[in-house]
Amino acid sequence: MTSATEPQPEVPAERPEVREVKSAARTVEVLEFLAARDNRPVRLRELSEGLGVPRSSLHALLRTLTQRGWVRADSTGTLYGIGIRALLAGTTYLDSDPFVPLITPVLEDLREQLDETLHFGRLDGQDVVYLATRESSQYLRPFSRVGRRLPAFSTSLGKAILADLPPDDLAAHLPPELTPLTPRTITTRPGLEDDLALTRQRGYAIDNEENTLGVRCFAVPLRYLQPTSDAISASVPLARLDEAREREVIGALQQAAQRITATVLPAARTLAW
């Protein structure tokens, strides 16, 4: 029995429910819609249909965002795309992220060791966002992948992270339908669950041409935070991949992950927000 003089444990106060601000939500929806189009401009009608918002409601919002630099319009004012101010927000995130400067030197070393393309990515909802990339000298992409997002279920980075999550958390990071990116993309829940089980068993994930034909990717999770949110990967063209090279790439990734965790883990709790 507890005496009246003994201190009672504090009960955390319940946070009041925050009501969504409709205008702010619509602004974010417009920017995310434009950013997801890979530099393909959109007309007002298409934007209206894609968001399910009346054109009359969008027109004034687009004008405001264009004047502020978050959206750009062509000379006729009929085509819209993401604006230069969005770049400022994106680069600020990368510059302020505490883990990127600790991990990029390891990617540099891996590139020297393997001369393959390396990525560092983070789970964000149903997607993986690429935060750092180091390109192979044998193949240079015509675009930078940094800042781009891809479905987590179809990438080795994403599958390495998904396999590390508690089973109850998995559904929140999967879309209602697993839309294929290539003919080899896994598109059924049972098939994906089997693949994630195999990933947990062997300790690394494989994207076998599920994201890009002709390329196999390998990834390992970075466990300095729980639940796991980050991973690193290597992309290797099938033309120069055999069993020995596959073992070499996977071993190098696993050693790099251990090195990263040993470096980051002591400070992870203070570095993470």
C-alpha atoms as a PDB file:
ATOM      1  CA  MET A   1       0.000   0.000   0.000  1.00  0.00           C
ATOM      2  CA  THR A   2       1.373   3.450  -0.903  1.00  0.00           C
ATOM      3  CA  SER A   3       1.447   6.079   1.850  1.00  0.00           C
ATOM      4  CA  ALA A   4       0.056   9.552   1.252  1.00  0.00           C
ATOM      5  CA  THR A   5       3.482  11.082   1.776  1.00  0.00           C
ATOM      6  CA  GLU A   6       5.205   9.114  -0.969  1.00  0.00           C
ATOM      7  CA  PRO A   7       5.659  10.976  -4.288  1.00  0.00           C
ATOM      8  CA  GLN A   8       3.329   9.771  -6.973  1.00  0.00           C
ATOM      9  CA  PRO A   9       4.604   9.104 -10.507  1.00  0.00           C
ATOM     10  CA  GLU A  10       3.803  11.851 -12.968  1.00  0.00           C
ATOM     11  CA  VAL A  11       1.165  11.056 -15.533  1.00  0.00           C
ATOM     12  CA  PRO A  12       2.104  12.534 -18.919  1.00  0.00           C
ATOM     13  CA  ALA A  13      -0.390  15.149 -19.977  1.00  0.00           C
ATOM     14  CA  GLU A  14      -2.341  14.201 -23.067  1.00  0.00           C
ATOM     15  CA  ARG A  15      -1.451  16.289 -26.086  1.00  0.00           C
ATOM     16  CA  PRO A  16      -4.419  18.117 -27.542  1.00  0.00           C
ATOM     17  CA  GLU A  17      -5.388  16.961 -31.008  1.00  0.00           C
ATOM     18  CA  VAL A  18      -4.014  19.372 -33.601  1.00  0.00           C
ATOM     19  CA  ARG A  19      -6.472  20.311 -36.315  1.00  0.00           C
ATOM     20  CA  GLU A  20      -5.021  20.254 -39.813  1.00  0.00           C
ATOM     21  CA  VAL A  21      -4.803  23.639 -41.501  1.00  0.00           C
ATOM     22  CA  LYS A  22      -6.492  23.094 -44.849  1.00  0.00           C
ATOM     23  CA  SER A  23      -4.609  25.782 -46.773  1.00  0.00           C
ATOM     24  CA  ALA A  24      -1.253  24.557 -45.500  1.00  0.00           C
ATOM     25  CA  ALA A  25      -2.114  20.947 -46.327  1.00  0.00           C
ATOM     26  CA  ARG A  26      -3.136  21.931 -49.862  1.00  0.00           C
ATOM     27  CA  THR A  27       0.108  23.848 -50.371  1.00  0.00           C
ATOM     28  CA  VAL A  28       2.134  20.810 -49.360  1.00  0.00           C
ATOM     29  CA  GLU A  29       0.041  18.563 -51.637  1.00  0.00           C
ATOM     30  CA  VAL A  30       0.722  20.843 -54.611  1.00  0.00           C
ATOM     31  CA  LEU A  31       4.475  20.913 -53.975  1.00  0.00           C
ATOM     32  CA  GLU A  32       4.677  17.141 -53.485  1.00  0.00           C
ATOM     33  CA  PHE A  33       2.646  16.542 -56.661  1.00  0.00           C
ATOM     34  CA  LEU A  34       4.975  18.754 -58.708  1.00  0.00           C
ATOM     35  CA  ALA A  35       8.125  17.292 -57.131  1.00  0.00           C
ATOM     36  CA  ALA A  36       7.023  13.740 -57.960  1.00  0.00           C
ATOM     37  CA  ARG A  37       6.784  14.456 -61.695  1.00  0.00           C
ATOM     38  CA  ASP A  38      10.552  14.249 -62.428  1.00  0.00           C
ATOM     39  CA  ASN A  39      10.690  17.664 -64.098  1.00  0.00           C
ATOM     40  CA  ARG A  40       7.617  17.077 -66.289  1.00  0.00           C
ATOM     41  CA  PRO A  41       5.527  20.280 -66.231  1.00  0.00           C
ATOM     42  CA  VAL A  42       1.823  20.057 -65.505  1.00  0.00           C
ATOM     43  CA  ARG A  43      -1.207  22.071 -66.612  1.00  0.00           C
ATOM     44  CA  LEU A  44      -3.718  23.469 -64.146  1.00  0.00           C
ATOM     45  CA  ARG A  45      -6.360  21.020 -65.332  1.00  0.00           C
ATOM     46  CA  GLU A  46      -4.118  18.000 -64.747  1.00  0.00           C
ATOM     47  CA  LEU A  47      -3.082  19.285 -61.329  1.00  0.00           C
ATOM     48  CA  SER A  48      -6.727  19.841 -60.420  1.00  0.00           C
ATOM     49  CA  GLU A  49      -7.682  16.319 -61.468  1.00  0.00           C
ATOM     50  CA  GLY A  50      -4.653  14.742 -59.776  1.00  0.00           C
ATOM     51  CA  LEU A  51      -5.385  16.394 -56.430  1.00  0.00           C
ATOM     52  CA  GLY A  52      -9.166  16.386 -56.677  1.00  0.00           C
ATOM     53  CA  VAL A  53      -9.256  20.151 -56.085  1.00  0.00           C
ATOM     54  CA  PRO A  54     -11.264  22.715 -58.112  1.00  0.00           C
ATOM     55  CA  ARG A  55      -9.213  24.744 -60.569  1.00  0.00           C
ATOM     56  CA  SER A  56     -10.573  27.954 -59.110  1.00  0.00           C
ATOM     57  CA  SER A  57      -9.111  27.031 -55.713  1.00  0.00           C
ATOM     58  CA  LEU A  58      -5.712  26.128 -57.162  1.00  0.00           C
ATOM     59  CA  HIS A  59      -5.245  29.139 -59.410  1.00  0.00           C
ATOM     60  CA  ALA A  60      -4.686  31.708 -56.656  1.00  0.00           C
ATOM     61  CA  LEU A  61      -2.493  29.285 -54.690  1.00  0.00           C
ATOM     62  CA  LEU A  62      -0.293  28.648 -57.738  1.00  0.00           C
ATOM     63  CA  ARG A  63       0.070  32.370 -58.357  1.00  0.00           C
ATOM     64  CA  THR A  64       1.212  32.906 -54.765  1.00  0.00           C
ATOM     65  CA  LEU A  65       3.675  29.994 -54.881  1.00  0.00           C
ATOM     66  CA  THR A  66       5.014  31.217 -58.229  1.00  0.00           C
ATOM     67  CA  GLN A  67       5.567  34.738 -56.894  1.00  0.00           C
ATOM     68  CA  ARG A  68       7.414  33.246 -53.889  1.00  0.00           C
ATOM     69  CA  GLY A  69       9.609  31.003 -56.050  1.00  0.00           C
ATOM     70  CA  TRP A  70       8.270  27.655 -54.811  1.00  0.00           C
ATOM     71  CA  VAL A  71       6.576  26.995 -58.158  1.00  0.00           C
ATOM     72  CA  ARG A  72       7.723  28.072 -61.606  1.00  0.00           C
ATOM     73  CA  ALA A  73       5.514  28.769 -64.612  1.00  0.00           C
ATOM     74  CA  ASP A  74       6.283  28.974 -68.319  1.00  0.00           C
ATOM     75  CA  SER A  75       6.002  32.222 -70.258  1.00  0.00           C
ATOM     76  CA  THR A  76       2.339  31.551 -71.056  1.00  0.00           C
ATOM     77  CA  GLY A  77       1.439  30.824 -67.432  1.00  0.00           C
ATOM     78  CA  THR A  78      -0.172  27.513 -68.318  1.00  0.00           C
ATOM     79  CA  LEU A  79       2.549  25.011 -67.359  1.00  0.00           C
ATOM     80  CA  TYR A  80       3.804  24.590 -63.802  1.00  0.00           C
ATOM     81  CA  GLY A  81       6.771  22.867 -62.160  1.00  0.00           C
ATOM     82  CA  ILE A  82       8.686  22.871 -58.902  1.00  0.00           C
ATOM     83  CA  GLY A  83      10.495  26.138 -58.173  1.00  0.00           C
ATOM     84  CA  ILE A  84      14.004  27.039 -57.085  1.00  0.00           C
ATOM     85  CA  ARG A  85      12.974  27.730 -53.480  1.00  0.00           C
ATOM     86  CA  ALA A  86      12.321  24.019 -53.054  1.00  0.00           C
ATOM     87  CA  LEU A  87      16.023  23.447 -53.731  1.00  0.00           C
ATOM     88  CA  LEU A  88      16.884  25.699 -50.807  1.00  0.00           C
ATOM     89  CA  ALA A  89      14.743  23.625 -48.448  1.00  0.00           C
ATOM     90  CA  GLY A  90      16.201  20.354 -49.737  1.00  0.00           C
ATOM     91  CA  THR A  91      19.840  21.377 -49.500  1.00  0.00           C
ATOM     92  CA  THR A  92      19.276  22.812 -46.034  1.00  0.00           C
ATOM     93  CA  TYR A  93      17.985  19.425 -44.888  1.00  0.00           C
ATOM     94  CA  LEU A  94      21.103  17.686 -46.222  1.00  0.00           C
ATOM     95  CA  ASP A  95      23.408  20.318 -44.739  1.00  0.00           C
ATOM     96  CA  SER A  96      21.792  20.028 -41.317  1.00  0.00           C
ATOM     97  CA  ASP A  97      21.398  16.244 -41.155  1.00  0.00           C
ATOM     98  CA  PRO A  98      23.847  14.962 -38.502  1.00  0.00           C
ATOM     99  CA  PHE A  99      24.424  11.547 -40.101  1.00  0.00           C
ATOM    100  CA  VAL A 100      25.218  12.508 -43.704  1.00  0.00           C
ATOM    101  CA  PRO A 101      28.713  13.956 -42.962  1.00  0.00           C
ATOM    102  CA  LEU A 102      29.586  10.867 -40.899  1.00  0.00           C
ATOM    103  CA  ILE A 103      28.484   8.411 -43.589  1.00  0.00           C
ATOM    104  CA  THR A 104      29.699  10.051 -46.812  1.00  0.00           C
ATOM    105  CA  PRO A 105      33.402   9.411 -46.022  1.00  0.00           C
ATOM    106  CA  VAL A 106      32.589   5.711 -45.739  1.00  0.00           C
ATOM    107  CA  LEU A 107      30.848   5.843 -49.126  1.00  0.00           C
ATOM    108  CA  GLU A 108      33.970   7.494 -50.548  1.00  0.00           C
ATOM    109  CA  ASP A 109      36.123   4.661 -49.221  1.00  0.00           C
ATOM    110  CA  LEU A 110      33.703   2.067 -50.601  1.00  0.00           C
ATOM    111  CA  ARG A 111      33.841   3.666 -54.030  1.00  0.00           C
ATOM    112  CA  GLU A 112      37.635   3.531 -53.951  1.00  0.00           C
ATOM    113  CA  GLN A 113      37.468  -0.118 -52.914  1.00  0.00           C
ATOM    114  CA  LEU A 114      34.717  -1.346 -55.254  1.00  0.00           C
ATOM    115  CA  ASP A 115      34.365   1.329 -57.959  1.00  0.00           C
ATOM    116  CA  GLU A 116      30.618   0.772 -57.929  1.00  0.00           C
ATOM    117  CA  THR A 117      27.793   3.262 -57.360  1.00  0.00           C
ATOM    118  CA  LEU A 118      26.967   3.638 -53.649  1.00  0.00           C
ATOM    119  CA  HIS A 119      23.877   5.121 -52.014  1.00  0.00           C
ATOM    120  CA  PHE A 120      22.788   6.228 -48.553  1.00  0.00           C
ATOM    121  CA  GLY A 121      19.011   6.355 -48.122  1.00  0.00           C
ATOM    122  CA  ARG A 122      16.326   6.940 -45.522  1.00  0.00           C
ATOM    123  CA  LEU A 123      12.811   5.572 -45.161  1.00  0.00           C
ATOM    124  CA  ASP A 124      10.132   8.248 -45.470  1.00  0.00           C
ATOM    125  CA  GLY A 125       6.604   6.899 -45.382  1.00  0.00           C
ATOM    126  CA  GLN A 126       6.282   4.395 -48.230  1.00  0.00           C
ATOM    127  CA  ASP A 127       9.426   5.593 -50.009  1.00  0.00           C
ATOM    128  CA  VAL A 128      13.176   5.687 -49.680  1.00  0.00           C
ATOM    129  CA  VAL A 129      14.809   9.104 -50.112  1.00  0.00           C
ATOM    130  CA  TYR A 130      18.387   9.200 -51.411  1.00  0.00           C
ATOM    131  CA  LEU A 131      20.541  11.428 -49.191  1.00  0.00           C
ATOM    132  CA  ALA A 132      23.990  10.709 -50.646  1.00  0.00           C
ATOM    133  CA  THR A 133      25.384   9.001 -53.740  1.00  0.00           C
ATOM    134  CA  ARG A 134      28.888   8.222 -54.951  1.00  0.00           C
ATOM    135  CA  GLU A 135      29.064   7.243 -58.604  1.00  0.00           C
ATOM    136  CA  SER A 136      31.234   4.534 -60.134  1.00  0.00           C
ATOM    137  CA  SER A 137      33.840   5.751 -62.620  1.00  0.00           C
ATOM    138  CA  GLN A 138      32.635   2.976 -64.935  1.00  0.00           C
ATOM    139  CA  TYR A 139      29.136   4.405 -65.258  1.00  0.00           C
ATOM    140  CA  LEU A 140      27.909   7.947 -64.699  1.00  0.00           C
ATOM    141  CA  ARG A 141      24.198   8.654 -64.488  1.00  0.00           C
ATOM    142  CA  PRO A 142      22.842  11.553 -66.516  1.00  0.00           C
ATOM    143  CA  PHE A 143      21.198  12.847 -63.297  1.00  0.00           C
ATOM    144  CA  SER A 144      21.907  12.898 -59.569  1.00  0.00           C
ATOM    145  CA  ARG A 145      19.779  10.586 -57.457  1.00  0.00           C
ATOM    146  CA  VAL A 146      20.228  12.703 -54.301  1.00  0.00           C
ATOM    147  CA  GLY A 147      16.841  13.988 -53.162  1.00  0.00           C
ATOM    148  CA  ARG A 148      14.901  11.524 -55.298  1.00  0.00           C
ATOM    149  CA  ARG A 149      12.494   9.027 -53.799  1.00  0.00           C
ATOM    150  CA  LEU A 150      11.537   5.539 -54.881  1.00  0.00           C
ATOM    151  CA  PRO A 151       9.080   2.992 -53.450  1.00  0.00           C
ATOM    152  CA  ALA A 152      10.707   1.184 -50.541  1.00  0.00           C
ATOM    153  CA  PHE A 153       9.345  -2.225 -51.571  1.00  0.00           C
ATOM    154  CA  SER A 154      11.151  -2.173 -54.938  1.00  0.00           C
ATOM    155  CA  THR A 155      14.640  -1.071 -53.849  1.00  0.00           C
ATOM    156  CA  SER A 156      17.382  -2.840 -51.960  1.00  0.00           C
ATOM    157  CA  LEU A 157      17.716   0.175 -49.622  1.00  0.00           C
ATOM    158  CA  GLY A 158      14.024   0.036 -48.817  1.00  0.00           C
ATOM    159  CA  LYS A 159      13.878  -3.716 -48.368  1.00  0.00           C
ATOM    160  CA  ALA A 160      16.903  -3.687 -46.050  1.00  0.00           C
ATOM    161  CA  ILE A 161      15.050  -1.216 -43.813  1.00  0.00           C
ATOM    162  CA  LEU A 162      11.609  -2.836 -44.099  1.00  0.00           C
ATOM    163  CA  ALA A 163      13.040  -6.220 -43.128  1.00  0.00           C
ATOM    164  CA  ASP A 164      14.452  -4.649 -39.958  1.00  0.00           C
ATOM    165  CA  LEU A 165      11.157  -3.126 -38.817  1.00  0.00           C
ATOM    166  CA  PRO A 166       8.727  -4.717 -36.353  1.00  0.00           C
ATOM    167  CA  PRO A 167       6.146  -6.729 -38.345  1.00  0.00           C
ATOM    168  CA  ASP A 168       3.306  -4.531 -37.067  1.00  0.00           C
ATOM    169  CA  ASP A 169       4.971  -1.448 -38.583  1.00  0.00           C
ATOM    170  CA  LEU A 170       5.356  -2.865 -42.096  1.00  0.00           C
ATOM    171  CA  ALA A 171       1.875  -2.036 -43.408  1.00  0.00           C
ATOM    172  CA  ALA A 172       2.377   1.690 -42.813  1.00  0.00           C
ATOM    173  CA  HIS A 173       5.278   1.689 -45.272  1.00  0.00           C
ATOM    174  CA  LEU A 174       3.601  -0.166 -48.129  1.00  0.00           C
ATOM    175  CA  PRO A 175       1.170   1.240 -50.713  1.00  0.00           C
ATOM    176  CA  PRO A 176      -2.235  -0.409 -51.227  1.00  0.00           C
ATOM    177  CA  GLU A 177      -0.942  -1.889 -54.502  1.00  0.00           C
ATOM    178  CA  LEU A 178       2.669  -2.825 -55.300  1.00  0.00           C
ATOM    179  CA  THR A 179       2.939  -1.162 -58.699  1.00  0.00           C
ATOM    180  CA  PRO A 180       5.881  -2.586 -60.689  1.00  0.00           C
ATOM    181  CA  LEU A 181       8.773  -0.401 -61.832  1.00  0.00           C
ATOM    182  CA  THR A 182      10.111  -3.180 -64.073  1.00  0.00           C
ATOM    183  CA  PRO A 183       8.824  -6.612 -65.128  1.00  0.00           C
ATOM    184  CA  ARG A 184      10.920  -8.100 -62.292  1.00  0.00           C
ATOM    185  CA  THR A 185       9.419  -6.040 -59.460  1.00  0.00           C
ATOM    186  CA  ILE A 186       7.741  -8.085 -56.726  1.00  0.00           C
ATOM    187  CA  THR A 187       4.059  -7.108 -56.828  1.00  0.00           C
ATOM    188  CA  THR A 188       2.343  -9.383 -54.283  1.00  0.00           C
ATOM    189  CA  ARG A 189       2.330  -9.061 -50.506  1.00  0.00           C
ATOM    190  CA  PRO A 190       3.147 -12.765 -49.923  1.00  0.00           C
ATOM    191  CA  GLY A 191       6.036 -12.519 -52.386  1.00  0.00           C
ATOM    192  CA  LEU A 192       7.380  -9.403 -50.684  1.00  0.00           C
ATOM    193  CA  GLU A 193       6.988 -10.901 -47.216  1.00  0.00           C
ATOM    194  CA  ASP A 194       8.948 -13.980 -48.325  1.00  0.00           C
ATOM    195  CA  ASP A 195      11.672 -11.744 -49.743  1.00  0.00           C
ATOM    196  CA  LEU A 196      11.872  -9.710 -46.524  1.00  0.00           C
ATOM    197  CA  ALA A 197      12.083 -12.919 -44.480  1.00  0.00           C
ATOM    198  CA  LEU A 198      15.003 -14.045 -46.638  1.00  0.00           C
ATOM    199  CA  THR A 199      16.591 -10.603 -46.211  1.00  0.00           C
ATOM    200  CA  ARG A 200      16.428 -10.923 -42.415  1.00  0.00           C
ATOM    201  CA  GLN A 201      17.884 -14.418 -42.575  1.00  0.00           C
ATOM    202  CA  ARG A 202      20.926 -13.551 -44.694  1.00  0.00           C
ATOM    203  CA  GLY A 203      21.460 -10.015 -43.331  1.00  0.00           C
ATOM    204  CA  TYR A 204      21.251  -8.044 -46.586  1.00  0.00           C
ATOM    205  CA  ALA A 205      18.675  -7.118 -49.230  1.00  0.00           C
ATOM    206  CA  ILE A 206      18.771  -7.659 -52.981  1.00  0.00           C
ATOM    207  CA  ASP A 207      17.000  -5.703 -55.690  1.00  0.00           C
ATOM    208  CA  ASN A 208      17.290  -8.042 -58.662  1.00  0.00           C
ATOM    209  CA  GLU A 209      16.434  -5.692 -61.542  1.00  0.00           C
ATOM    210  CA  GLU A 210      13.292  -4.683 -59.661  1.00  0.00           C
ATOM    211  CA  ASN A 211      14.077  -0.980 -59.928  1.00  0.00           C
ATOM    212  CA  THR A 212      16.330  -0.806 -63.029  1.00  0.00           C
ATOM    213  CA  LEU A 213      16.724  -3.519 -65.637  1.00  0.00           C
ATOM    214  CA  GLY A 214      20.283  -4.732 -66.051  1.00  0.00           C
ATOM    215  CA  VAL A 215      21.311  -3.690 -62.525  1.00  0.00           C
ATOM    216  CA  ARG A 216      21.380  -5.689 -59.297  1.00  0.00           C
ATOM    217  CA  CYS A 217      21.573  -3.781 -56.015  1.00  0.00           C
ATOM    218  CA  PHE A 218      22.630  -4.947 -52.565  1.00  0.00           C
ATOM    219  CA  ALA A 219      21.887  -3.139 -49.302  1.00  0.00           C
ATOM    220  CA  VAL A 220      22.457  -3.467 -45.575  1.00  0.00           C
ATOM    221  CA  PRO A 221      20.609  -1.669 -42.755  1.00  0.00           C
ATOM    222  CA  LEU A 222      22.268   0.871 -40.464  1.00  0.00           C
ATOM    223  CA  ARG A 223      21.138   0.152 -36.922  1.00  0.00           C
ATOM    224  CA  TYR A 224      22.270   3.247 -35.029  1.00  0.00           C
ATOM    225  CA  LEU A 225      18.653   4.274 -34.435  1.00  0.00           C
ATOM    226  CA  GLN A 226      15.623   2.196 -33.514  1.00  0.00           C
ATOM    227  CA  PRO A 227      13.493   1.555 -35.386  1.00  0.00           C
ATOM    228  CA  THR A 228      15.889   1.325 -38.312  1.00  0.00           C
ATOM    229  CA  SER A 229      15.399   4.118 -40.836  1.00  0.00           C
ATOM    230  CA  ASP A 230      18.652   4.221 -42.858  1.00  0.00           C
ATOM    231  CA  ALA A 231      20.637   1.895 -45.120  1.00  0.00           C
ATOM    232  CA  ILE A 232      23.505   1.874 -47.621  1.00  0.00           C
ATOM    233  CA  SER A 233      23.580   0.074 -50.955  1.00  0.00           C
ATOM    234  CA  ALA A 234      25.726  -0.757 -53.978  1.00  0.00           C
ATOM    235  CA  SER A 235      24.409  -0.920 -57.560  1.00  0.00           C
ATOM    236  CA  VAL A 236      26.224  -3.284 -59.917  1.00  0.00           C
ATOM    237  CA  PRO A 237      25.468  -3.844 -63.631  1.00  0.00           C
ATOM    238  CA  LEU A 238      24.819  -7.516 -64.325  1.00  0.00           C
ATOM    239  CA  ALA A 239      27.356  -7.406 -67.145  1.00  0.00           C
ATOM    240  CA  ARG A 240      30.217  -7.355 -64.639  1.00  0.00           C
ATOM    241  CA  LEU A 241      28.657  -9.346 -61.802  1.00  0.00           C
ATOM    242  CA  ASP A 242      29.507 -12.944 -60.901  1.00  0.00           C
ATOM    243  CA  GLU A 243      29.310 -14.920 -57.647  1.00  0.00           C
ATOM    244  CA  ALA A 244      32.775 -13.860 -56.487  1.00  0.00           C
ATOM    245  CA  ARG A 245      32.061 -10.192 -57.170  1.00  0.00           C
ATOM    246  CA  GLU A 246      28.708 -10.469 -55.418  1.00  0.00           C
ATOM    247  CA  ARG A 247      30.361 -11.861 -52.283  1.00  0.00           C
ATOM    248  CA  GLU A 248      32.980  -9.096 -52.421  1.00  0.00           C
ATOM    249  CA  VAL A 249      30.370  -6.340 -52.682  1.00  0.00           C
ATOM    250  CA  ILE A 250      28.188  -7.744 -49.901  1.00  0.00           C
ATOM    251  CA  GLY A 251      31.172  -8.247 -47.590  1.00  0.00           C
ATOM    252  CA  ALA A 252      32.366  -4.686 -48.192  1.00  0.00           C
ATOM    253  CA  LEU A 253      28.896  -3.291 -47.456  1.00  0.00           C
ATOM    254  CA  GLN A 254      28.611  -5.267 -44.229  1.00  0.00           C
ATOM    255  CA  GLN A 255      32.027  -4.090 -43.053  1.00  0.00           C
ATOM    256  CA  ALA A 256      31.118  -0.506 -43.933  1.00  0.00           C
ATOM    257  CA  ALA A 257      27.850  -0.801 -41.972  1.00  0.00           C
ATOM    258  CA  GLN A 258      29.757  -2.039 -38.926  1.00  0.00           C
ATOM    259  CA  ARG A 259      32.180   0.859 -39.266  1.00  0.00           C
ATOM    260  CA  ILE A 260      29.368   3.384 -39.582  1.00  0.00           C
ATOM    261  CA  THR A 261      27.480   1.968 -36.601  1.00  0.00           C
ATOM    262  CA  ALA A 262      30.606   1.964 -34.447  1.00  0.00           C
ATOM    263  CA  THR A 263      31.219   5.607 -35.350  1.00  0.00           C
ATOM    264  CA  VAL A 264      27.667   6.897 -35.118  1.00  0.00           C
ATOM    265  CA  LEU A 265      26.106   4.811 -32.337  1.00  0.00           C
ATOM    266  CA  PRO A 266      27.897   6.489 -29.387  1.00  0.00           C
ATOM    267  CA  ALA A 267      26.502   9.858 -30.488  1.00  0.00           C
ATOM    268  CA  ALA A 268      23.282   8.759 -32.192  1.00  0.00           C
ATOM    269  CA  ARG A 269      20.944   9.648 -29.344  1.00  0.00           C
ATOM    270  CA  THR A 270      22.297  13.161 -29.080  1.00  0.00           C
ATOM    271  CA  LEU A 271      22.534  13.662 -32.837  1.00  0.00           C
ATOM    272  CA  ALA A 272      18.997  12.510 -33.656  1.00  0.00           C
ATOM    273  CA  TRP A 273      16.066  14.845 -33.216  1.00  0.00           C
END
